[in-house]
Amino acid sequence: MTSNAGCWRRQLAALAIATSLLSGCATDGSEPGIATACPPVVEYTRELQARAAEELVLLPDGSAIAEMLSDYAVVRDQLRACGETATTGLCR
């Protein structure tokens, strides 16, 4: 019986990368009138992103690292949206 674990991991990696690339104005400050400081989002080259996706496929099923990377993608999206809101006033 062949394993399809590599298949879903590639899809997970592609989803995480697409989510981070397609982030938008999904969040806004919960308390109006309070200034927030947004930490910078580290930008990774496409080559490094591709290498990370290849390495993600090699992780065992149920890997804690894969789950943590998924959470990290969400945090990066939130930071990106925070920075866009703070610098451009979009999303308000």
Protein backbone atom coordinates (compact mmCIF):
# COMPACT_ATOMS: atom_id res chain seq x y z
CA MET A 1 0.00 0.00 0.00
CA THR A 2 1.44 3.37 -0.96
CA SER A 3 1.40 6.36 1.36
CA ASN A 4 -0.23 9.62 0.32
CA ALA A 5 1.34 11.58 3.21
CA GLY A 6 3.63 13.44 0.83
CA CYS A 7 0.60 14.55 -1.14
CA TRP A 8 -1.19 16.26 1.73
CA ARG A 9 2.04 17.76 3.07
CA ARG A 10 2.70 19.41 -0.27
CA GLN A 11 -0.83 20.76 -0.23
CA LEU A 12 -0.35 22.02 3.34
CA ALA A 13 2.92 23.71 2.38
CA ALA A 14 1.34 25.28 -0.69
CA LEU A 15 -1.61 26.47 1.41
CA ALA A 16 0.68 27.99 4.05
CA ILE A 17 2.76 29.77 1.42
CA ALA A 18 -0.31 30.95 -0.51
CA THR A 19 -1.93 32.18 2.69
CA SER A 20 1.11 34.22 3.58
CA LEU A 21 1.36 35.65 0.06
CA LEU A 22 -2.34 36.46 -0.22
CA SER A 23 -2.76 38.07 3.18
CA GLY A 24 -4.88 41.14 3.30
CA CYS A 25 -6.80 43.28 5.69
CA ALA A 26 -8.29 40.52 7.79
CA THR A 27 -7.82 42.06 11.21
CA ASP A 28 -8.16 45.45 12.81
CA GLY A 29 -7.35 46.78 16.24
CA SER A 30 -9.88 45.70 18.82
CA GLU A 31 -9.75 49.00 20.70
CA PRO A 32 -10.24 52.13 18.57
CA GLY A 33 -8.00 55.06 19.35
CA ILE A 34 -5.14 52.95 20.75
CA ALA A 35 -1.97 53.05 18.70
CA THR A 36 -0.30 49.72 18.07
CA ALA A 37 3.27 48.95 17.10
CA CYS A 38 3.60 46.17 14.58
CA PRO A 39 6.80 44.12 14.57
CA PRO A 40 8.38 43.66 11.16
CA VAL A 41 7.66 40.55 9.13
CA VAL A 42 10.80 38.77 7.96
CA GLU A 43 10.70 38.31 4.19
CA TYR A 44 11.98 35.01 2.81
CA THR A 45 13.22 34.49 -0.73
CA ARG A 46 11.22 32.25 -3.05
CA GLU A 47 14.17 29.84 -3.07
CA LEU A 48 14.11 29.54 0.73
CA GLN A 49 10.32 29.11 0.71
CA ALA A 50 10.64 26.32 -1.88
CA ARG A 51 13.36 24.62 0.16
CA ALA A 52 11.20 24.83 3.30
CA ALA A 53 8.25 23.29 1.42
CA GLU A 54 10.47 20.42 0.24
CA GLU A 55 11.71 19.81 3.79
CA LEU A 56 8.16 19.94 5.16
CA VAL A 57 7.21 17.04 2.90
CA LEU A 58 9.92 14.93 4.54
CA LEU A 59 8.49 15.30 8.08
CA PRO A 60 6.70 12.30 9.60
CA ASP A 61 2.91 12.13 9.79
CA GLY A 62 1.46 14.17 12.66
CA SER A 63 4.62 16.26 12.97
CA ALA A 64 4.47 18.96 15.63
CA ILE A 65 6.67 21.12 13.41
CA ALA A 66 4.11 21.06 10.58
CA GLU A 67 1.37 22.14 13.00
CA MET A 68 3.54 24.94 14.38
CA LEU A 69 4.39 26.16 10.88
CA SER A 70 0.69 26.41 10.11
CA ASP A 71 0.22 28.59 13.21
CA TYR A 72 3.26 30.66 12.21
CA ALA A 73 1.70 31.38 8.81
CA VAL A 74 -1.40 32.78 10.54
CA VAL A 75 0.72 34.99 12.81
CA ARG A 76 2.67 36.30 9.80
CA ASP A 77 -0.61 37.18 8.07
CA GLN A 78 -1.78 39.04 11.17
CA LEU A 79 1.51 40.95 11.44
CA ARG A 80 1.37 41.87 7.76
CA ALA A 81 -2.20 43.14 8.11
CA CYS A 82 -1.24 45.08 11.24
CA GLY A 83 1.63 46.76 9.40
CA GLU A 84 -0.54 47.63 6.39
CA THR A 85 -3.20 49.15 8.62
CA ALA A 86 -0.67 51.15 10.64
CA THR A 87 1.19 52.58 7.60
CA THR A 88 -1.56 53.08 5.04
CA GLY A 89 -4.79 53.36 6.99
CA LEU A 90 -6.37 50.77 4.67
CA CYS A 91 -8.80 48.32 6.30
CA ARG A 92 -10.25 50.92 8.67
